[in-house]
Amino acid sequence: MYRLGPRDRGTESPRPLLVQFARYTSKNLLMENLYKLRHAEQKFKKIVVTHDMTRSERDECKKLVAEAKSMGEQDQSGEYLYKVRGNPGLMKIVKIRKRYWGRTKK
């Protein structure tokens, strides 16, 4: 692991940390358990973990997120969410049914 970017004493935010795993399965295990940070102590709630993506992969992701957002706005039923899922380079938009948790629809 190592820090990215130049050291700047004028900013409050820490530099990003790049962590490289020996096995792909270790990375997958970490990414699958990130939801647990929602219930962590306050000091850990500011942690953001993402895949390391090239510029073209980030551009593709931004394009897909914008497309998913417009698909959600065009959906008249309001029953579905449109999310971008998948590994970098293999991302796609998926249609997910909203859950109502026992409430009746109006």
Protein backbone atom coordinates (compact mmCIF):
# COMPACT_ATOMS: atom_id res chain seq x y z
CA MET A 1 0.00 0.00 0.00
CA TYR A 2 1.07 3.57 -0.58
CA ARG A 3 -0.30 7.12 -0.63
CA LEU A 4 -1.24 8.79 -3.90
CA GLY A 5 -0.60 12.36 -4.94
CA PRO A 6 1.71 15.03 -3.56
CA ARG A 7 1.82 15.85 0.13
CA ASP A 8 0.02 19.16 0.71
CA ARG A 9 0.09 20.56 4.22
CA GLY A 10 -2.58 23.17 3.45
CA THR A 11 -5.48 20.75 3.09
CA GLU A 12 -7.40 18.99 5.83
CA SER A 13 -8.28 15.86 3.86
CA PRO A 14 -5.81 12.97 3.80
CA ARG A 15 -4.30 11.70 0.56
CA PRO A 16 -5.87 8.62 -1.00
CA LEU A 17 -4.37 5.28 -0.08
CA LEU A 18 -3.86 2.62 -2.76
CA VAL A 19 -4.03 -0.92 -1.37
CA GLN A 20 -2.99 -3.85 -3.54
CA PHE A 21 -4.02 -7.36 -2.55
CA ALA A 22 -2.08 -10.54 -3.29
CA ARG A 23 -5.26 -12.36 -4.30
CA TYR A 24 -8.32 -11.18 -6.16
CA THR A 25 -10.54 -13.10 -3.72
CA SER A 26 -9.24 -10.97 -0.83
CA LYS A 27 -10.29 -7.82 -2.63
CA ASN A 28 -13.73 -9.29 -3.38
CA LEU A 29 -14.17 -10.26 0.26
CA LEU A 30 -13.38 -6.69 1.33
CA MET A 31 -15.71 -5.15 -1.26
CA GLU A 32 -18.56 -7.49 -0.25
CA ASN A 33 -18.28 -6.46 3.41
CA LEU A 34 -18.17 -2.68 2.93
CA TYR A 35 -21.85 -2.35 3.85
CA LYS A 36 -20.79 -2.92 7.47
CA LEU A 37 -19.19 0.54 7.54
CA ARG A 38 -22.69 2.05 7.71
CA HIS A 39 -23.03 0.72 11.25
CA ALA A 40 -19.47 1.53 12.34
CA GLU A 41 -18.27 4.25 14.72
CA GLN A 42 -18.53 7.82 13.47
CA LYS A 43 -14.79 8.13 12.76
CA PHE A 44 -15.01 5.26 10.24
CA LYS A 45 -18.10 6.54 8.39
CA LYS A 46 -16.02 8.95 6.30
CA ILE A 47 -14.05 6.10 4.70
CA VAL A 48 -14.70 5.62 0.99
CA VAL A 49 -13.50 2.45 -0.76
CA THR A 50 -13.69 2.09 -4.54
CA HIS A 51 -12.16 0.06 -7.32
CA ASP A 52 -8.98 1.46 -8.87
CA MET A 53 -10.12 2.47 -12.35
CA THR A 54 -8.40 3.96 -15.37
CA ARG A 55 -9.63 7.27 -16.76
CA SER A 56 -11.59 5.53 -19.55
CA GLU A 57 -13.25 3.22 -17.00
CA ARG A 58 -14.21 6.23 -14.84
CA ASP A 59 -15.65 8.00 -17.88
CA GLU A 60 -17.64 4.90 -18.81
CA CYS A 61 -18.94 4.64 -15.23
CA LYS A 62 -20.03 8.30 -15.20
CA LYS A 63 -21.83 7.81 -18.52
CA LEU A 64 -23.65 4.72 -17.23
CA VAL A 65 -24.64 6.45 -13.98
CA ALA A 66 -26.11 9.38 -15.93
CA GLU A 67 -27.97 6.95 -18.20
CA ALA A 68 -29.32 5.00 -15.20
CA LYS A 69 -30.49 8.24 -13.58
CA SER A 70 -32.35 9.28 -16.74
CA MET A 71 -33.92 5.81 -16.99
CA GLY A 72 -35.15 6.19 -13.41
CA GLU A 73 -36.66 9.58 -14.19
CA GLN A 74 -38.42 8.20 -17.27
CA ASP A 75 -39.88 5.21 -15.37
CA GLN A 76 -43.50 6.20 -14.78
CA SER A 77 -44.38 3.29 -12.48
CA GLY A 78 -41.87 4.17 -9.76
CA GLU A 79 -41.46 0.47 -8.92
CA TYR A 80 -37.87 0.12 -10.08
CA LEU A 81 -34.43 1.53 -9.34
CA TYR A 82 -31.73 1.59 -12.00
CA LYS A 83 -28.21 0.99 -10.66
CA VAL A 84 -24.79 0.52 -12.22
CA ARG A 85 -23.23 -2.77 -11.15
CA GLY A 86 -20.20 -4.85 -12.09
CA ASN A 87 -16.44 -4.74 -12.04
CA PRO A 88 -14.55 -1.93 -13.77
CA GLY A 89 -14.65 -2.49 -17.51
CA LEU A 90 -17.65 -4.83 -17.22
CA MET A 91 -20.20 -2.44 -15.71
CA LYS A 92 -23.84 -2.52 -16.75
CA ILE A 93 -27.17 -1.02 -15.72
CA VAL A 94 -29.46 -3.33 -13.77
CA LYS A 95 -33.15 -2.86 -13.02
CA ILE A 96 -33.99 -3.54 -9.36
CA ARG A 97 -37.50 -3.76 -7.93
CA LYS A 98 -38.07 -1.40 -5.00
CA ARG A 99 -39.03 -3.03 -1.73
CA TYR A 100 -41.98 -1.68 0.18
CA TRP A 101 -41.35 -3.57 3.47
CA GLY A 102 -44.96 -4.46 4.20
CA ARG A 103 -46.45 -1.13 3.19
CA THR A 104 -49.26 -1.03 0.70
CA LYS A 105 -48.72 0.87 -2.50
CA LYS A 106 -50.90 3.92 -3.10
